[in-house]
PDB file of N, CA and C in Angstrom:
ATOM      1  N   MET A   1       0.839  -1.186   0.000  1.00  0.00           N
ATOM      2  CA  MET A   1       0.000   0.000   0.000  1.00  0.00           C
ATOM      3  C   MET A   1       0.884   1.248   0.000  1.00  0.00           C
ATOM      4  N   GLU A   2       0.588   2.178  -0.900  1.00  0.00           N
ATOM      5  CA  GLU A   2       1.365   3.409  -1.026  1.00  0.00           C
ATOM      6  C   GLU A   2       1.001   4.402   0.096  1.00  0.00           C
ATOM      7  N   LYS A   3       2.025   4.965   0.739  1.00  0.00           N
ATOM      8  CA  LYS A   3       1.793   5.963   1.772  1.00  0.00           C
ATOM      9  C   LYS A   3       1.631   7.334   1.126  1.00  0.00           C
ATOM     10  N   ARG A   4       0.684   8.101   1.617  1.00  0.00           N
ATOM     11  CA  ARG A   4       0.456   9.444   1.110  1.00  0.00           C
ATOM     12  C   ARG A   4       0.423  10.423   2.272  1.00  0.00           C
ATOM     13  N   LYS A   5       0.941  11.587   2.016  1.00  0.00           N
ATOM     14  CA  LYS A   5       0.924  12.642   3.025  1.00  0.00           C
ATOM     15  C   LYS A   5      -0.229  13.585   2.717  1.00  0.00           C
ATOM     16  N   ILE A   6      -0.999  13.903   3.730  1.00  0.00           N
ATOM     17  CA  ILE A   6      -2.121  14.819   3.575  1.00  0.00           C
ATOM     18  C   ILE A   6      -1.818  16.071   4.388  1.00  0.00           C
ATOM     19  N   SER A   7      -2.066  17.225   3.793  1.00  0.00           N
ATOM     20  CA  SER A   7      -1.877  18.483   4.513  1.00  0.00           C
ATOM     21  C   SER A   7      -3.120  19.350   4.322  1.00  0.00           C
ATOM     22  N   CYS A   8      -3.207  20.361   5.161  1.00  0.00           N
ATOM     23  CA  CYS A   8      -4.373  21.234   5.110  1.00  0.00           C
ATOM     24  C   CYS A   8      -3.936  22.670   5.364  1.00  0.00           C
ATOM     25  N   SER A   9      -4.373  23.586   4.520  1.00  0.00           N
ATOM     26  CA  SER A   9      -4.162  25.013   4.729  1.00  0.00           C
ATOM     27  C   SER A   9      -5.525  25.638   4.992  1.00  0.00           C
ATOM     28  N   ILE A  10      -5.581  26.529   5.973  1.00  0.00           N
ATOM     29  CA  ILE A  10      -6.857  27.103   6.381  1.00  0.00           C
ATOM     30  C   ILE A  10      -6.753  28.624   6.410  1.00  0.00           C
ATOM     31  N   GLY A  11      -7.768  29.278   5.878  1.00  0.00           N
ATOM     32  CA  GLY A  11      -7.865  30.732   5.950  1.00  0.00           C
ATOM     33  C   GLY A  11      -9.129  31.122   6.688  1.00  0.00           C
ATOM     34  N   VAL A  12      -9.007  32.008   7.668  1.00  0.00           N
ATOM     35  CA  VAL A  12     -10.150  32.441   8.472  1.00  0.00           C
ATOM     36  C   VAL A  12     -10.248  33.964   8.398  1.00  0.00           C
ATOM     37  N   TYR A  13     -11.439  34.453   8.149  1.00  0.00           N
ATOM     38  CA  TYR A  13     -11.688  35.891   8.118  1.00  0.00           C
ATOM     39  C   TYR A  13     -12.717  36.220   9.189  1.00  0.00           C
ATOM     40  N   HIS A  14     -12.319  36.989  10.179  1.00  0.00           N
ATOM     41  CA  HIS A  14     -13.186  37.365  11.292  1.00  0.00           C
ATOM     42  C   HIS A  14     -13.807  38.723  10.988  1.00  0.00           C
ATOM     43  N   PHE A  15     -15.119  38.821  11.119  1.00  0.00           N
ATOM     44  CA  PHE A  15     -15.823  40.046  10.752  1.00  0.00           C
ATOM     45  C   PHE A  15     -16.955  40.319  11.735  1.00  0.00           C
ATOM     46  N   MET A  16     -17.505  41.500  11.636  1.00  0.00           N
ATOM     47  CA  MET A  16     -18.658  41.885  12.445  1.00  0.00           C
ATOM     48  C   MET A  16     -19.856  42.090  11.512  1.00  0.00           C
ATOM     49  N   PHE A  17     -21.038  41.689  11.976  1.00  0.00           N
ATOM     50  CA  PHE A  17     -22.253  41.925  11.198  1.00  0.00           C
ATOM     51  C   PHE A  17     -22.633  43.385  11.292  1.00  0.00           C
ATOM     52  N   PRO A  18     -23.323  43.977  10.352  1.00  0.00           N
ATOM     53  CA  PRO A  18     -23.682  43.393   9.055  1.00  0.00           C
ATOM     54  C   PRO A  18     -22.523  43.516   8.059  1.00  0.00           C
ATOM     55  N   GLN A  19     -22.499  42.623   7.127  1.00  0.00           N
ATOM     56  CA  GLN A  19     -21.458  42.615   6.099  1.00  0.00           C
ATOM     57  C   GLN A  19     -22.054  42.012   4.829  1.00  0.00           C
ATOM     58  N   VAL A  20     -21.612  42.459   3.686  1.00  0.00           N
ATOM     59  CA  VAL A  20     -22.102  41.970   2.400  1.00  0.00           C
ATOM     60  C   VAL A  20     -21.479  40.599   2.127  1.00  0.00           C
ATOM     61  N   MET A  21     -22.306  39.625   1.744  1.00  0.00           N
ATOM     62  CA  MET A  21     -21.852  38.252   1.532  1.00  0.00           C
ATOM     63  C   MET A  21     -20.701  38.177   0.524  1.00  0.00           C
ATOM     64  N   LYS A  22     -20.772  38.943  -0.558  1.00  0.00           N
ATOM     65  CA  LYS A  22     -19.715  38.910  -1.569  1.00  0.00           C
ATOM     66  C   LYS A  22     -18.373  39.330  -0.969  1.00  0.00           C
ATOM     67  N   VAL A  23     -18.381  40.336  -0.093  1.00  0.00           N
ATOM     68  CA  VAL A  23     -17.155  40.788   0.573  1.00  0.00           C
ATOM     69  C   VAL A  23     -16.612  39.687   1.464  1.00  0.00           C
ATOM     70  N   LEU A  24     -17.482  39.032   2.212  1.00  0.00           N
ATOM     71  CA  LEU A  24     -17.054  37.943   3.096  1.00  0.00           C
ATOM     72  C   LEU A  24     -16.374  36.822   2.325  1.00  0.00           C
ATOM     73  N   ILE A  25     -16.983  36.405   1.237  1.00  0.00           N
ATOM     74  CA  ILE A  25     -16.427  35.314   0.430  1.00  0.00           C
ATOM     75  C   ILE A  25     -15.101  35.739  -0.190  1.00  0.00           C
ATOM     76  N   THR A  26     -15.033  36.935  -0.730  1.00  0.00           N
ATOM     77  CA  THR A  26     -13.807  37.427  -1.361  1.00  0.00           C
ATOM     78  C   THR A  26     -12.668  37.517  -0.355  1.00  0.00           C
ATOM     79  N   GLU A  27     -12.930  38.106   0.801  1.00  0.00           N
ATOM     80  CA  GLU A  27     -11.884  38.257   1.818  1.00  0.00           C
ATOM     81  C   GLU A  27     -11.425  36.911   2.360  1.00  0.00           C
ATOM     82  N   THR A  28     -12.359  36.004   2.601  1.00  0.00           N
ATOM     83  CA  THR A  28     -12.005  34.667   3.086  1.00  0.00           C
ATOM     84  C   THR A  28     -11.175  33.931   2.046  1.00  0.00           C
ATOM     85  N   ASP A  29     -11.515  34.076   0.789  1.00  0.00           N
ATOM     86  CA  ASP A  29     -10.762  33.449  -0.298  1.00  0.00           C
ATOM     87  C   ASP A  29      -9.326  33.981  -0.344  1.00  0.00           C
ATOM     88  N   HIS A  30      -9.152  35.279  -0.175  1.00  0.00           N
ATOM     89  CA  HIS A  30      -7.809  35.883  -0.168  1.00  0.00           C
ATOM     90  C   HIS A  30      -6.964  35.301   0.967  1.00  0.00           C
ATOM     91  N   VAL A  31      -7.585  35.168   2.137  1.00  0.00           N
ATOM     92  CA  VAL A  31      -6.862  34.642   3.295  1.00  0.00           C
ATOM     93  C   VAL A  31      -6.485  33.178   3.080  1.00  0.00           C
ATOM     94  N   LEU A  32      -7.378  32.391   2.485  1.00  0.00           N
ATOM     95  CA  LEU A  32      -7.074  30.991   2.193  1.00  0.00           C
ATOM     96  C   LEU A  32      -5.884  30.883   1.255  1.00  0.00           C
ATOM     97  N   TYR A  33      -5.872  31.672   0.192  1.00  0.00           N
ATOM     98  CA  TYR A  33      -4.749  31.607  -0.747  1.00  0.00           C
ATOM     99  C   TYR A  33      -3.456  32.109  -0.117  1.00  0.00           C
ATOM    100  N   GLU A  34      -3.537  33.036   0.819  1.00  0.00           N
ATOM    101  CA  GLU A  34      -2.347  33.467   1.546  1.00  0.00           C
ATOM    102  C   GLU A  34      -1.787  32.295   2.355  1.00  0.00           C
ATOM    103  N   ALA A  35      -2.660  31.540   2.992  1.00  0.00           N
ATOM    104  CA  ALA A  35      -2.219  30.363   3.751  1.00  0.00           C
ATOM    105  C   ALA A  35      -1.566  29.337   2.826  1.00  0.00           C
ATOM    106  N   LYS A  36      -2.158  29.100   1.668  1.00  0.00           N
ATOM    107  CA  LYS A  36      -1.599  28.135   0.714  1.00  0.00           C
ATOM    108  C   LYS A  36      -0.229  28.574   0.203  1.00  0.00           C
ATOM    109  N   GLU A  37      -0.040  29.869   0.015  1.00  0.00           N
ATOM    110  CA  GLU A  37       1.245  30.386  -0.472  1.00  0.00           C
ATOM    111  C   GLU A  37       2.362  30.216   0.551  1.00  0.00           C
ATOM    112  N   ARG A  38       1.995  30.058   1.813  1.00  0.00           N
ATOM    113  CA  ARG A  38       2.988  29.872   2.876  1.00  0.00           C
ATOM    114  C   ARG A  38       3.414  28.417   3.025  1.00  0.00           C
ATOM    115  N   GLU A  39       3.114  27.605   2.051  1.00  0.00           N
ATOM    116  CA  GLU A  39       3.431  26.182   1.997  1.00  0.00           C
ATOM    117  C   GLU A  39       2.370  25.358   2.694  1.00  0.00           C
ATOM    118  N   ARG A  40       2.666  24.108   2.944  1.00  0.00           N
ATOM    119  CA  ARG A  40       1.665  23.178   3.469  1.00  0.00           C
ATOM    120  C   ARG A  40       1.419  23.336   4.959  1.00  0.00           C
ATOM    121  N   ALA A  41       0.244  22.895   5.347  1.00  0.00           N
ATOM    122  CA  ALA A  41      -0.150  22.819   6.757  1.00  0.00           C
ATOM    123  C   ALA A  41      -0.005  24.165   7.473  1.00  0.00           C
ATOM    124  N   ARG A  42      -0.584  25.202   6.903  1.00  0.00           N
ATOM    125  CA  ARG A  42      -0.527  26.545   7.489  1.00  0.00           C
ATOM    126  C   ARG A  42      -1.938  27.075   7.710  1.00  0.00           C
ATOM    127  N   PHE A  43      -2.052  28.003   8.627  1.00  0.00           N
ATOM    128  CA  PHE A  43      -3.314  28.711   8.781  1.00  0.00           C
ATOM    129  C   PHE A  43      -3.038  30.195   8.933  1.00  0.00           C
ATOM    130  N   VAL A  44      -3.977  30.996   8.449  1.00  0.00           N
ATOM    131  CA  VAL A  44      -3.882  32.451   8.515  1.00  0.00           C
ATOM    132  C   VAL A  44      -5.229  32.964   9.018  1.00  0.00           C
ATOM    133  N   ILE A  45      -5.178  33.887   9.961  1.00  0.00           N
ATOM    134  CA  ILE A  45      -6.390  34.511  10.479  1.00  0.00           C
ATOM    135  C   ILE A  45      -6.286  36.012  10.268  1.00  0.00           C
ATOM    136  N   ARG A  46      -7.313  36.589   9.663  1.00  0.00           N
ATOM    137  CA  ARG A  46      -7.359  38.034   9.439  1.00  0.00           C
ATOM    138  C   ARG A  46      -8.643  38.563  10.046  1.00  0.00           C
ATOM    139  N   GLU A  47      -8.569  39.777  10.570  1.00  0.00           N
ATOM    140  CA  GLU A  47      -9.759  40.429  11.098  1.00  0.00           C
ATOM    141  C   GLU A  47     -10.138  41.600  10.216  1.00  0.00           C
ATOM    142  N   GLU A  48     -11.427  41.828  10.127  1.00  0.00           N
ATOM    143  CA  GLU A  48     -11.937  42.972   9.392  1.00  0.00           C
ATOM    144  C   GLU A  48     -11.395  44.235  10.038  1.00  0.00           C
ATOM    145  N   GLU A  49     -10.961  45.171   9.217  1.00  0.00           N
ATOM    146  CA  GLU A  49     -10.460  46.437   9.753  1.00  0.00           C
ATOM    147  C   GLU A  49     -11.632  47.269  10.248  1.00  0.00           C
ATOM    148  N   SER A  50     -11.456  47.844  11.413  1.00  0.00           N
ATOM    149  CA  SER A  50     -12.512  48.617  12.039  1.00  0.00           C
ATOM    150  C   SER A  50     -12.502  50.056  11.539  1.00  0.00           C
ATOM    151  N   ASP A  51     -13.686  50.630  11.389  1.00  0.00           N
ATOM    152  CA  ASP A  51     -13.817  52.036  11.001  1.00  0.00           C
ATOM    153  C   ASP A  51     -13.808  52.947  12.221  1.00  0.00           C
ATOM    154  N   VAL A  52     -13.773  52.350  13.403  1.00  0.00           N
ATOM    155  CA  VAL A  52     -13.866  53.120  14.650  1.00  0.00           C
ATOM    156  C   VAL A  52     -12.545  53.746  14.999  1.00  0.00           C
TER     157      VAL A  52
END
């Protein structure tokens, strides 16, 4: 049986309601690809910038 290595990259975008769904998906996608660019088995967490 052939051995295989499995890895996982995770991107998390933390936000406050209300927020437009398209923005949420776009920002989360950017964070996921940032995690993937950092090689295997990485996670990246970003928070929505506050206007306050």
